[in-house]
PDB file of all heavy atoms in Angstrom:
ATOM      1  N   ALA A   1       7.465   2.490  10.876  1.00  0.00           N
ATOM      2  CA  ALA A   1       6.663   1.893   9.810  1.00  0.00           C
ATOM      3  C   ALA A   1       6.136   0.543  10.294  1.00  0.00           C
ATOM      4  O   ALA A   1       6.885  -0.251  10.863  1.00  0.00           O
ATOM      5  CB  ALA A   1       7.483   1.716   8.537  1.00  0.00           C
ATOM      6  N   VAL A   2       4.857   0.292  10.090  1.00  0.00           N
ATOM      7  CA  VAL A   2       4.252  -0.967  10.498  1.00  0.00           C
ATOM      8  C   VAL A   2       3.417  -1.525   9.355  1.00  0.00           C
ATOM      9  O   VAL A   2       3.039  -0.794   8.439  1.00  0.00           O
ATOM     10  CB  VAL A   2       3.354  -0.788  11.755  1.00  0.00           C
ATOM     11  CG1 VAL A   2       4.183  -0.365  12.949  1.00  0.00           C
ATOM     12  CG2 VAL A   2       2.262   0.243  11.485  1.00  0.00           C
ATOM     13  N   THR A   3       3.152  -2.807   9.398  1.00  0.00           N
ATOM     14  CA  THR A   3       2.356  -3.446   8.335  1.00  0.00           C
ATOM     15  C   THR A   3       0.886  -3.520   8.731  1.00  0.00           C
ATOM     16  O   THR A   3       0.542  -3.606   9.911  1.00  0.00           O
ATOM     17  CB  THR A   3       2.859  -4.870   8.073  1.00  0.00           C
ATOM     18  OG1 THR A   3       2.837  -5.632   9.278  1.00  0.00           O
ATOM     19  CG2 THR A   3       4.273  -4.845   7.506  1.00  0.00           C
ATOM     20  N   SER A   4       0.040  -3.511   7.715  1.00  0.00           N
ATOM     21  CA  SER A   4      -1.399  -3.607   7.921  1.00  0.00           C
ATOM     22  C   SER A   4      -2.013  -4.346   6.746  1.00  0.00           C
ATOM     23  O   SER A   4      -1.505  -4.280   5.619  1.00  0.00           O
ATOM     24  CB  SER A   4      -2.015  -2.203   8.045  1.00  0.00           C
ATOM     25  OG  SER A   4      -3.424  -2.284   8.012  1.00  0.00           O
ATOM     26  N   HIS A   5      -3.111  -5.034   7.007  1.00  0.00           N
ATOM     27  CA  HIS A   5      -3.809  -5.752   5.951  1.00  0.00           C
ATOM     28  C   HIS A   5      -5.257  -5.283   5.767  1.00  0.00           C
ATOM     29  O   HIS A   5      -5.976  -5.809   4.914  1.00  0.00           O
ATOM     30  CB  HIS A   5      -3.796  -7.257   6.228  1.00  0.00           C
ATOM     31  CG  HIS A   5      -2.420  -7.844   6.269  1.00  0.00           C
ATOM     32  ND1 HIS A   5      -1.542  -7.764   5.219  1.00  0.00           N
ATOM     33  CD2 HIS A   5      -1.750  -8.496   7.260  1.00  0.00           C
ATOM     34  CE1 HIS A   5      -0.393  -8.347   5.539  1.00  0.00           C
ATOM     35  NE2 HIS A   5      -0.509  -8.805   6.782  1.00  0.00           N
ATOM     36  N   THR A   6      -5.696  -4.333   6.584  1.00  0.00           N
ATOM     37  CA  THR A   6      -7.057  -3.823   6.459  1.00  0.00           C
ATOM     38  C   THR A   6      -7.053  -2.305   6.573  1.00  0.00           C
ATOM     39  O   THR A   6      -6.163  -1.719   7.233  1.00  0.00           O
ATOM     40  CB  THR A   6      -7.983  -4.395   7.555  1.00  0.00           C
ATOM     41  OG1 THR A   6      -7.561  -3.925   8.835  1.00  0.00           O
ATOM     42  CG2 THR A   6      -7.953  -5.936   7.538  1.00  0.00           C
ATOM     43  N   THR A   7      -8.039  -1.677   5.969  1.00  0.00           N
ATOM     44  CA  THR A   7      -8.157  -0.216   6.032  1.00  0.00           C
ATOM     45  C   THR A   7      -8.393   0.254   7.462  1.00  0.00           C
ATOM     46  O   THR A   7      -7.846   1.266   7.894  1.00  0.00           O
ATOM     47  CB  THR A   7      -9.326   0.253   5.142  1.00  0.00           C
ATOM     48  OG1 THR A   7      -9.111  -0.195   3.800  1.00  0.00           O
ATOM     49  CG2 THR A   7      -9.431   1.770   5.148  1.00  0.00           C
ATOM     50  N   ARG A   8      -9.182  -0.486   8.210  1.00  0.00           N
ATOM     51  CA  ARG A   8      -9.446  -0.112   9.593  1.00  0.00           C
ATOM     52  C   ARG A   8      -8.166  -0.128  10.416  1.00  0.00           C
ATOM     53  O   ARG A   8      -7.912   0.770  11.235  1.00  0.00           O
ATOM     54  CB  ARG A   8     -10.491  -1.052  10.203  1.00  0.00           C
ATOM     55  CG  ARG A   8     -10.836  -0.729  11.637  1.00  0.00           C
ATOM     56  CD  ARG A   8     -11.944  -1.626  12.158  1.00  0.00           C
ATOM     57  NE  ARG A   8     -12.254  -1.332  13.542  1.00  0.00           N
ATOM     58  CZ  ARG A   8     -13.185  -1.958  14.260  1.00  0.00           C
ATOM     59  NH1 ARG A   8     -13.912  -2.915  13.687  1.00  0.00           N
ATOM     60  NH2 ARG A   8     -13.401  -1.634  15.506  1.00  0.00           N
ATOM     61  N   ASP A   9      -7.345  -1.189  10.218  1.00  0.00           N
ATOM     62  CA  ASP A   9      -6.071  -1.259  10.925  1.00  0.00           C
ATOM     63  C   ASP A   9      -5.191  -0.066  10.572  1.00  0.00           C
ATOM     64  O   ASP A   9      -4.512   0.489  11.442  1.00  0.00           O
ATOM     65  CB  ASP A   9      -5.344  -2.560  10.577  1.00  0.00           C
ATOM     66  CG  ASP A   9      -5.696  -3.686  11.550  1.00  0.00           C
ATOM     67  OD1 ASP A   9      -6.476  -3.425  12.462  1.00  0.00           O
ATOM     68  OD2 ASP A   9      -5.171  -4.788  11.384  1.00  0.00           O
ATOM     69  N   THR A  10      -5.179   0.292   9.300  1.00  0.00           N
ATOM     70  CA  THR A  10      -4.348   1.415   8.861  1.00  0.00           C
ATOM     71  C   THR A  10      -4.728   2.684   9.594  1.00  0.00           C
ATOM     72  O   THR A  10      -3.866   3.412  10.107  1.00  0.00           O
ATOM     73  CB  THR A  10      -4.504   1.615   7.345  1.00  0.00           C
ATOM     74  OG1 THR A  10      -4.079   0.425   6.660  1.00  0.00           O
ATOM     75  CG2 THR A  10      -3.673   2.795   6.864  1.00  0.00           C
ATOM     76  N   GLU A  11      -6.004   2.952   9.708  1.00  0.00           N
ATOM     77  CA  GLU A  11      -6.448   4.162  10.411  1.00  0.00           C
ATOM     78  C   GLU A  11      -6.082   4.106  11.880  1.00  0.00           C
ATOM     79  O   GLU A  11      -5.620   5.089  12.465  1.00  0.00           O
ATOM     80  CB  GLU A  11      -7.969   4.311  10.234  1.00  0.00           C
ATOM     81  CG  GLU A  11      -8.401   4.516   8.780  1.00  0.00           C
ATOM     82  CD  GLU A  11      -9.913   4.481   8.631  1.00  0.00           C
ATOM     83  OE1 GLU A  11     -10.586   4.159   9.640  1.00  0.00           O
ATOM     84  OE2 GLU A  11     -10.411   4.751   7.521  1.00  0.00           O
ATOM     85  N   ASP A  12      -6.279   2.935  12.502  1.00  0.00           N
ATOM     86  CA  ASP A  12      -5.953   2.798  13.926  1.00  0.00           C
ATOM     87  C   ASP A  12      -4.465   2.971  14.177  1.00  0.00           C
ATOM     88  O   ASP A  12      -4.051   3.569  15.194  1.00  0.00           O
ATOM     89  CB  ASP A  12      -6.419   1.423  14.445  1.00  0.00           C
ATOM     90  CG  ASP A  12      -7.936   1.305  14.458  1.00  0.00           C
ATOM     91  OD1 ASP A  12      -8.615   2.347  14.440  1.00  0.00           O
ATOM     92  OD2 ASP A  12      -8.427   0.154  14.502  1.00  0.00           O
ATOM     93  N   LEU A  13      -3.638   2.437  13.283  1.00  0.00           N
ATOM     94  CA  LEU A  13      -2.189   2.527  13.471  1.00  0.00           C
ATOM     95  C   LEU A  13      -1.684   3.953  13.318  1.00  0.00           C
ATOM     96  O   LEU A  13      -0.795   4.383  14.049  1.00  0.00           O
ATOM     97  CB  LEU A  13      -1.483   1.590  12.480  1.00  0.00           C
ATOM     98  CG  LEU A  13      -1.665   0.093  12.775  1.00  0.00           C
ATOM     99  CD1 LEU A  13      -1.177  -0.746  11.606  1.00  0.00           C
ATOM    100  CD2 LEU A  13      -0.933  -0.292  14.051  1.00  0.00           C
ATOM    101  N   PHE A  14      -2.272   4.695  12.383  1.00  0.00           N
ATOM    102  CA  PHE A  14      -1.920   6.110  12.285  1.00  0.00           C
ATOM    103  C   PHE A  14      -2.308   6.833  13.566  1.00  0.00           C
ATOM    104  O   PHE A  14      -1.566   7.686  14.085  1.00  0.00           O
ATOM    105  CB  PHE A  14      -2.607   6.763  11.082  1.00  0.00           C
ATOM    106  CG  PHE A  14      -1.893   6.542   9.788  1.00  0.00           C
ATOM    107  CD1 PHE A  14      -2.591   6.206   8.635  1.00  0.00           C
ATOM    108  CD2 PHE A  14      -0.516   6.689   9.707  1.00  0.00           C
ATOM    109  CE1 PHE A  14      -1.939   6.014   7.434  1.00  0.00           C
ATOM    110  CE2 PHE A  14       0.142   6.485   8.492  1.00  0.00           C
ATOM    111  CZ  PHE A  14      -0.576   6.148   7.356  1.00  0.00           C
ATOM    112  N   GLY A  15      -3.467   6.471  14.095  1.00  0.00           N
ATOM    113  CA  GLY A  15      -3.906   7.094  15.347  1.00  0.00           C
ATOM    114  C   GLY A  15      -3.011   6.719  16.533  1.00  0.00           C
ATOM    115  O   GLY A  15      -2.927   7.482  17.502  1.00  0.00           O
ATOM    116  N   SER A  16      -2.323   5.580  16.429  1.00  0.00           N
ATOM    117  CA  SER A  16      -1.450   5.160  17.516  1.00  0.00           C
ATOM    118  C   SER A  16      -0.049   5.761  17.412  1.00  0.00           C
ATOM    119  O   SER A  16       0.765   5.555  18.325  1.00  0.00           O
ATOM    120  CB  SER A  16      -1.343   3.616  17.527  1.00  0.00           C
ATOM    121  OG  SER A  16      -2.602   3.039  17.744  1.00  0.00           O
ATOM    122  N   GLY A  17       0.243   6.426  16.308  1.00  0.00           N
ATOM    123  CA  GLY A  17       1.540   7.078  16.185  1.00  0.00           C
ATOM    124  C   GLY A  17       2.450   6.565  15.089  1.00  0.00           C
ATOM    125  O   GLY A  17       3.614   6.965  15.023  1.00  0.00           O
ATOM    126  N   ALA A  18       1.961   5.690  14.213  1.00  0.00           N
ATOM    127  CA  ALA A  18       2.789   5.215  13.102  1.00  0.00           C
ATOM    128  C   ALA A  18       2.984   6.317  12.065  1.00  0.00           C
ATOM    129  O   ALA A  18       2.060   7.100  11.800  1.00  0.00           O
ATOM    130  CB  ALA A  18       2.142   3.983  12.457  1.00  0.00           C
ATOM    131  N   ASP A  19       4.186   6.386  11.496  1.00  0.00           N
ATOM    132  CA  ASP A  19       4.458   7.370  10.464  1.00  0.00           C
ATOM    133  C   ASP A  19       4.119   6.836   9.085  1.00  0.00           C
ATOM    134  O   ASP A  19       3.657   7.591   8.214  1.00  0.00           O
ATOM    135  CB  ASP A  19       5.946   7.785  10.502  1.00  0.00           C
ATOM    136  CG  ASP A  19       6.311   8.466  11.805  1.00  0.00           C
ATOM    137  OD1 ASP A  19       5.866   9.611  12.008  1.00  0.00           O
ATOM    138  OD2 ASP A  19       7.015   7.849  12.627  1.00  0.00           O
ATOM    139  N   ILE A  20       4.367   5.565   8.842  1.00  0.00           N
ATOM    140  CA  ILE A  20       4.050   4.926   7.573  1.00  0.00           C
ATOM    141  C   ILE A  20       3.411   3.576   7.857  1.00  0.00           C
ATOM    142  O   ILE A  20       3.857   2.844   8.753  1.00  0.00           O
ATOM    143  CB  ILE A  20       5.315   4.731   6.689  1.00  0.00           C
ATOM    144  CG1 ILE A  20       5.784   6.072   6.142  1.00  0.00           C
ATOM    145  CG2 ILE A  20       5.045   3.781   5.532  1.00  0.00           C
ATOM    146  CD1 ILE A  20       7.001   5.959   5.243  1.00  0.00           C
ATOM    147  N   VAL A  21       2.376   3.239   7.109  1.00  0.00           N
ATOM    148  CA  VAL A  21       1.737   1.935   7.211  1.00  0.00           C
ATOM    149  C   VAL A  21       1.956   1.200   5.893  1.00  0.00           C
ATOM    150  O   VAL A  21       1.522   1.655   4.836  1.00  0.00           O
ATOM    151  CB  VAL A  21       0.229   2.063   7.505  1.00  0.00           C
ATOM    152  CG1 VAL A  21      -0.410   0.669   7.533  1.00  0.00           C
ATOM    153  CG2 VAL A  21       0.001   2.753   8.837  1.00  0.00           C
ATOM    154  N   LEU A  22       2.677   0.093   5.969  1.00  0.00           N
ATOM    155  CA  LEU A  22       2.943  -0.736   4.798  1.00  0.00           C
ATOM    156  C   LEU A  22       1.793  -1.714   4.576  1.00  0.00           C
ATOM    157  O   LEU A  22       1.328  -2.337   5.522  1.00  0.00           O
ATOM    158  CB  LEU A  22       4.251  -1.515   4.999  1.00  0.00           C
ATOM    159  CG  LEU A  22       5.489  -0.698   5.350  1.00  0.00           C
ATOM    160  CD1 LEU A  22       6.643  -1.629   5.704  1.00  0.00           C
ATOM    161  CD2 LEU A  22       5.872   0.217   4.208  1.00  0.00           C
ATOM    162  N   GLU A  23       1.359  -1.805   3.326  1.00  0.00           N
ATOM    163  CA  GLU A  23       0.249  -2.710   2.989  1.00  0.00           C
ATOM    164  C   GLU A  23       0.761  -3.688   1.942  1.00  0.00           C
ATOM    165  O   GLU A  23       0.621  -3.454   0.727  1.00  0.00           O
ATOM    166  CB  GLU A  23      -0.943  -1.919   2.474  1.00  0.00           C
ATOM    167  CG  GLU A  23      -1.519  -0.958   3.524  1.00  0.00           C
ATOM    168  CD  GLU A  23      -2.683  -0.141   2.993  1.00  0.00           C
ATOM    169  OE1 GLU A  23      -2.539   0.428   1.883  1.00  0.00           O
ATOM    170  OE2 GLU A  23      -3.706  -0.076   3.663  1.00  0.00           O
ATOM    171  N   PRO A  24       1.384  -4.802   2.369  1.00  0.00           N
ATOM    172  CA  PRO A  24       2.088  -5.695   1.443  1.00  0.00           C
ATOM    173  C   PRO A  24       1.238  -6.193   0.292  1.00  0.00           C
ATOM    174  O   PRO A  24       1.685  -6.203  -0.853  1.00  0.00           O
ATOM    175  CB  PRO A  24       2.542  -6.838   2.358  1.00  0.00           C
ATOM    176  CG  PRO A  24       2.567  -6.263   3.737  1.00  0.00           C
ATOM    177  CD  PRO A  24       1.476  -5.240   3.761  1.00  0.00           C
ATOM    178  N   PHE A  25       0.016  -6.627   0.559  1.00  0.00           N
ATOM    179  CA  PHE A  25      -0.810  -7.189  -0.506  1.00  0.00           C
ATOM    180  C   PHE A  25      -1.222  -6.123  -1.509  1.00  0.00           C
ATOM    181  O   PHE A  25      -1.226  -6.365  -2.727  1.00  0.00           O
ATOM    182  CB  PHE A  25      -2.055  -7.864   0.100  1.00  0.00           C
ATOM    183  CG  PHE A  25      -1.731  -9.049   0.949  1.00  0.00           C
ATOM    184  CD1 PHE A  25      -2.083  -9.087   2.286  1.00  0.00           C
ATOM    185  CD2 PHE A  25      -1.049 -10.137   0.422  1.00  0.00           C
ATOM    186  CE1 PHE A  25      -1.774 -10.170   3.086  1.00  0.00           C
ATOM    187  CE2 PHE A  25      -0.742 -11.242   1.212  1.00  0.00           C
ATOM    188  CZ  PHE A  25      -1.108 -11.259   2.540  1.00  0.00           C
ATOM    189  N   GLN A  26      -1.562  -4.948  -1.022  1.00  0.00           N
ATOM    190  CA  GLN A  26      -1.953  -3.870  -1.924  1.00  0.00           C
ATOM    191  C   GLN A  26      -0.755  -3.397  -2.743  1.00  0.00           C
ATOM    192  O   GLN A  26      -0.876  -3.137  -3.937  1.00  0.00           O
ATOM    193  CB  GLN A  26      -2.553  -2.713  -1.123  1.00  0.00           C
ATOM    194  CG  GLN A  26      -3.745  -3.069  -0.246  1.00  0.00           C
ATOM    195  CD  GLN A  26      -4.947  -3.537  -1.062  1.00  0.00           C
ATOM    196  OE1 GLN A  26      -4.951  -3.438  -2.279  1.00  0.00           O
ATOM    197  NE2 GLN A  26      -5.956  -4.050  -0.370  1.00  0.00           N
ATOM    198  N   ASP A  27       0.407  -3.301  -2.100  1.00  0.00           N
ATOM    199  CA  ASP A  27       1.601  -2.902  -2.833  1.00  0.00           C
ATOM    200  C   ASP A  27       1.949  -3.917  -3.909  1.00  0.00           C
ATOM    201  O   ASP A  27       2.338  -3.551  -5.023  1.00  0.00           O
ATOM    202  CB  ASP A  27       2.777  -2.749  -1.860  1.00  0.00           C
ATOM    203  CG  ASP A  27       2.625  -1.543  -0.944  1.00  0.00           C
ATOM    204  OD1 ASP A  27       1.762  -0.705  -1.240  1.00  0.00           O
ATOM    205  OD2 ASP A  27       3.347  -1.455   0.055  1.00  0.00           O
ATOM    206  N   ALA A  28       1.835  -5.200  -3.548  1.00  0.00           N
ATOM    207  CA  ALA A  28       2.129  -6.242  -4.528  1.00  0.00           C
ATOM    208  C   ALA A  28       1.143  -6.199  -5.680  1.00  0.00           C
ATOM    209  O   ALA A  28       1.519  -6.391  -6.848  1.00  0.00           O
ATOM    210  CB  ALA A  28       2.090  -7.619  -3.852  1.00  0.00           C
ATOM    211  N   ALA A  29      -0.133  -5.916  -5.393  1.00  0.00           N
ATOM    212  CA  ALA A  29      -1.130  -5.807  -6.459  1.00  0.00           C
ATOM    213  C   ALA A  29      -0.830  -4.644  -7.377  1.00  0.00           C
ATOM    214  O   ALA A  29      -0.923  -4.737  -8.616  1.00  0.00           O
ATOM    215  CB  ALA A  29      -2.526  -5.675  -5.853  1.00  0.00           C
ATOM    216  N   ASP A  30      -0.446  -3.491  -6.806  1.00  0.00           N
ATOM    217  CA  ASP A  30      -0.093  -2.329  -7.614  1.00  0.00           C
ATOM    218  C   ASP A  30       1.095  -2.636  -8.524  1.00  0.00           C
ATOM    219  O   ASP A  30       1.113  -2.279  -9.704  1.00  0.00           O
ATOM    220  CB  ASP A  30       0.251  -1.141  -6.710  1.00  0.00           C
ATOM    221  CG  ASP A  30      -0.999  -0.490  -6.135  1.00  0.00           C
ATOM    222  OD1 ASP A  30      -2.098  -0.790  -6.620  1.00  0.00           O
ATOM    223  OD2 ASP A  30      -0.863   0.292  -5.185  1.00  0.00           O
ATOM    224  N   ARG A  31       2.097  -3.325  -7.961  1.00  0.00           N
ATOM    225  CA  ARG A  31       3.267  -3.661  -8.750  1.00  0.00           C
ATOM    226  C   ARG A  31       2.917  -4.655  -9.840  1.00  0.00           C
ATOM    227  O   ARG A  31       3.418  -4.556 -10.983  1.00  0.00           O
ATOM    228  CB  ARG A  31       4.334  -4.254  -7.828  1.00  0.00           C
ATOM    229  CG  ARG A  31       5.610  -4.686  -8.537  1.00  0.00           C
ATOM    230  CD  ARG A  31       6.261  -3.559  -9.278  1.00  0.00           C
ATOM    231  NE  ARG A  31       7.513  -3.972  -9.890  1.00  0.00           N
ATOM    232  CZ  ARG A  31       8.134  -3.319 -10.848  1.00  0.00           C
ATOM    233  NH1 ARG A  31       7.599  -2.168 -11.317  1.00  0.00           N
ATOM    234  NH2 ARG A  31       9.277  -3.753 -11.353  1.00  0.00           N
ATOM    235  N   ALA A  32       2.032  -5.616  -9.545  1.00  0.00           N
ATOM    236  CA  ALA A  32       1.611  -6.583 -10.551  1.00  0.00           C
ATOM    237  C   ALA A  32       0.882  -5.910 -11.692  1.00  0.00           C
ATOM    238  O   ALA A  32       1.109  -6.212 -12.881  1.00  0.00           O
ATOM    239  CB  ALA A  32       0.723  -7.655  -9.906  1.00  0.00           C
ATOM    240  N   VAL A  33      -0.012  -4.958 -11.360  1.00  0.00           N
ATOM    241  CA  VAL A  33      -0.735  -4.214 -12.409  1.00  0.00           C
ATOM    242  C   VAL A  33       0.242  -3.414 -13.261  1.00  0.00           C
ATOM    243  O   VAL A  33       0.116  -3.335 -14.480  1.00  0.00           O
ATOM    244  CB  VAL A  33      -1.783  -3.283 -11.758  1.00  0.00           C
ATOM    245  CG1 VAL A  33      -2.362  -2.338 -12.797  1.00  0.00           C
ATOM    246  CG2 VAL A  33      -2.882  -4.119 -11.124  1.00  0.00           C
ATOM    247  N   GLU A  34       1.242  -2.821 -12.613  1.00  0.00           N
ATOM    248  CA  GLU A  34       2.251  -2.041 -13.339  1.00  0.00           C
ATOM    249  C   GLU A  34       2.996  -2.927 -14.344  1.00  0.00           C
ATOM    250  O   GLU A  34       3.189  -2.539 -15.516  1.00  0.00           O
ATOM    251  CB  GLU A  34       3.226  -1.421 -12.360  1.00  0.00           C
ATOM    252  CG  GLU A  34       4.344  -0.623 -13.012  1.00  0.00           C
ATOM    253  CD  GLU A  34       5.351  -0.116 -12.001  1.00  0.00           C
ATOM    254  OE1 GLU A  34       5.039  -0.127 -10.796  1.00  0.00           O
ATOM    255  OE2 GLU A  34       6.441   0.288 -12.421  1.00  0.00           O
ATOM    256  N   LEU A  35       3.372  -4.138 -13.916  1.00  0.00           N
ATOM    257  CA  LEU A  35       4.107  -5.036 -14.809  1.00  0.00           C
ATOM    258  C   LEU A  35       3.215  -5.570 -15.926  1.00  0.00           C
ATOM    259  O   LEU A  35       3.653  -5.696 -17.074  1.00  0.00           O
ATOM    260  CB  LEU A  35       4.684  -6.207 -13.999  1.00  0.00           C
ATOM    261  CG  LEU A  35       5.787  -5.851 -12.987  1.00  0.00           C
ATOM    262  CD1 LEU A  35       6.145  -7.072 -12.140  1.00  0.00           C
ATOM    263  CD2 LEU A  35       7.024  -5.317 -13.697  1.00  0.00           C
ATOM    264  N   LEU A  36       1.957  -5.885 -15.569  1.00  0.00           N
ATOM    265  CA  LEU A  36       1.052  -6.442 -16.560  1.00  0.00           C
ATOM    266  C   LEU A  36       0.611  -5.429 -17.608  1.00  0.00           C
ATOM    267  O   LEU A  36       0.474  -5.732 -18.792  1.00  0.00           O
ATOM    268  CB  LEU A  36      -0.176  -7.044 -15.874  1.00  0.00           C
ATOM    269  CG  LEU A  36       0.079  -8.294 -15.016  1.00  0.00           C
ATOM    270  CD1 LEU A  36      -1.165  -8.655 -14.252  1.00  0.00           C
ATOM    271  CD2 LEU A  36       0.529  -9.458 -15.882  1.00  0.00           C
ATOM    272  N   SER A  37       0.397  -4.191 -17.157  1.00  0.00           N
ATOM    273  CA  SER A  37      -0.069  -3.155 -18.076  1.00  0.00           C
ATOM    274  C   SER A  37       1.060  -2.537 -18.872  1.00  0.00           C
ATOM    275  O   SER A  37       0.847  -1.983 -19.949  1.00  0.00           O
ATOM    276  CB  SER A  37      -0.816  -2.062 -17.316  1.00  0.00           C
ATOM    277  OG  SER A  37       0.073  -1.391 -16.445  1.00  0.00           O
ATOM    278  N   GLY A  38       2.262  -2.608 -18.332  1.00  0.00           N
ATOM    279  CA  GLY A  38       3.400  -1.997 -19.002  1.00  0.00           C
ATOM    280  C   GLY A  38       3.371  -0.497 -18.987  1.00  0.00           C
ATOM    281  O   GLY A  38       4.142   0.161 -19.699  1.00  0.00           O
ATOM    282  N   ALA A  39       2.455   0.084 -18.212  1.00  0.00           N
ATOM    283  CA  ALA A  39       2.331   1.547 -18.181  1.00  0.00           C
ATOM    284  C   ALA A  39       3.359   2.136 -17.224  1.00  0.00           C
ATOM    285  O   ALA A  39       3.548   1.627 -16.131  1.00  0.00           O
ATOM    286  CB  ALA A  39       0.939   1.945 -17.718  1.00  0.00           C
ATOM    287  N   PRO A  40       4.048   3.181 -17.634  1.00  0.00           N
ATOM    288  CA  PRO A  40       4.968   3.873 -16.731  1.00  0.00           C
ATOM    289  C   PRO A  40       4.193   4.442 -15.540  1.00  0.00           C
ATOM    290  O   PRO A  40       2.980   4.622 -15.589  1.00  0.00           O
ATOM    291  CB  PRO A  40       5.564   4.988 -17.588  1.00  0.00           C
ATOM    292  CG  PRO A  40       5.295   4.593 -19.004  1.00  0.00           C
ATOM    293  CD  PRO A  40       4.044   3.795 -18.972  1.00  0.00           C
ATOM    294  N   GLU A  41       4.919   4.748 -14.479  1.00  0.00           N
ATOM    295  CA  GLU A  41       4.310   5.241 -13.243  1.00  0.00           C
ATOM    296  C   GLU A  41       3.470   6.484 -13.507  1.00  0.00           C
ATOM    297  O   GLU A  41       2.368   6.623 -13.016  1.00  0.00           O
ATOM    298  CB  GLU A  41       5.403   5.529 -12.221  1.00  0.00           C
ATOM    299  CG  GLU A  41       4.895   5.984 -10.878  1.00  0.00           C
ATOM    300  CD  GLU A  41       4.281   4.858 -10.087  1.00  0.00           C
ATOM    301  OE1 GLU A  41       4.592   3.686 -10.373  1.00  0.00           O
ATOM    302  OE2 GLU A  41       3.475   5.142  -9.177  1.00  0.00           O
ATOM    303  N   GLU A  42       4.025   7.419 -14.333  1.00  0.00           N
ATOM    304  CA  GLU A  42       3.321   8.699 -14.500  1.00  0.00           C
ATOM    305  C   GLU A  42       2.061   8.567 -15.325  1.00  0.00           C
ATOM    306  O   GLU A  42       1.185   9.424 -15.316  1.00  0.00           O
ATOM    307  CB  GLU A  42       4.248   9.716 -15.182  1.00  0.00           C
ATOM    308  CG  GLU A  42       4.765   9.309 -16.565  1.00  0.00           C
ATOM    309  CD  GLU A  42       6.058   8.495 -16.447  1.00  0.00           C
ATOM    310  OE1 GLU A  42       6.377   8.084 -15.320  1.00  0.00           O
ATOM    311  OE2 GLU A  42       6.726   8.285 -17.463  1.00  0.00           O
ATOM    312  N   GLU A  43       1.894   7.453 -16.097  1.00  0.00           N
ATOM    313  CA  GLU A  43       0.699   7.286 -16.921  1.00  0.00           C
ATOM    314  C   GLU A  43      -0.426   6.596 -16.162  1.00  0.00           C
ATOM    315  O   GLU A  43      -1.499   6.408 -16.707  1.00  0.00           O
ATOM    316  CB  GLU A  43       1.048   6.443 -18.166  1.00  0.00           C
ATOM    317  CG  GLU A  43       2.031   7.149 -19.116  1.00  0.00           C
ATOM    318  CD  GLU A  43       2.298   6.300 -20.341  1.00  0.00           C
ATOM    319  OE1 GLU A  43       1.572   5.290 -20.511  1.00  0.00           O
ATOM    320  OE2 GLU A  43       3.204   6.644 -21.124  1.00  0.00           O
ATOM    321  N   ARG A  44      -0.220   6.221 -14.881  1.00  0.00           N
ATOM    322  CA  ARG A  44      -1.230   5.461 -14.168  1.00  0.00           C
ATOM    323  C   ARG A  44      -1.907   6.291 -13.091  1.00  0.00           C
ATOM    324  O   ARG A  44      -2.301   5.800 -12.056  1.00  0.00           O
ATOM    325  CB  ARG A  44      -0.589   4.208 -13.534  1.00  0.00           C
ATOM    326  CG  ARG A  44      -0.064   3.244 -14.565  1.00  0.00           C
ATOM    327  CD  ARG A  44       0.427   1.938 -13.929  1.00  0.00           C
ATOM    328  NE  ARG A  44       1.474   2.175 -12.970  1.00  0.00           N
ATOM    329  CZ  ARG A  44       1.324   2.022 -11.662  1.00  0.00           C
ATOM    330  NH1 ARG A  44       0.166   1.679 -11.179  1.00  0.00           N
ATOM    331  NH2 ARG A  44       2.330   2.226 -10.839  1.00  0.00           N
TER     332      ARG A  44
END
């Protein structure tokens, strides 16, 4: 698993052999939206 901050990097890293690409800022934004909206995971 490796970290990435751009979509282009994500594609290149998969091409280089990464199994999972972590996107910290996007993950944090998703979690923030989840907390702010109060919507359960299955409703989003």
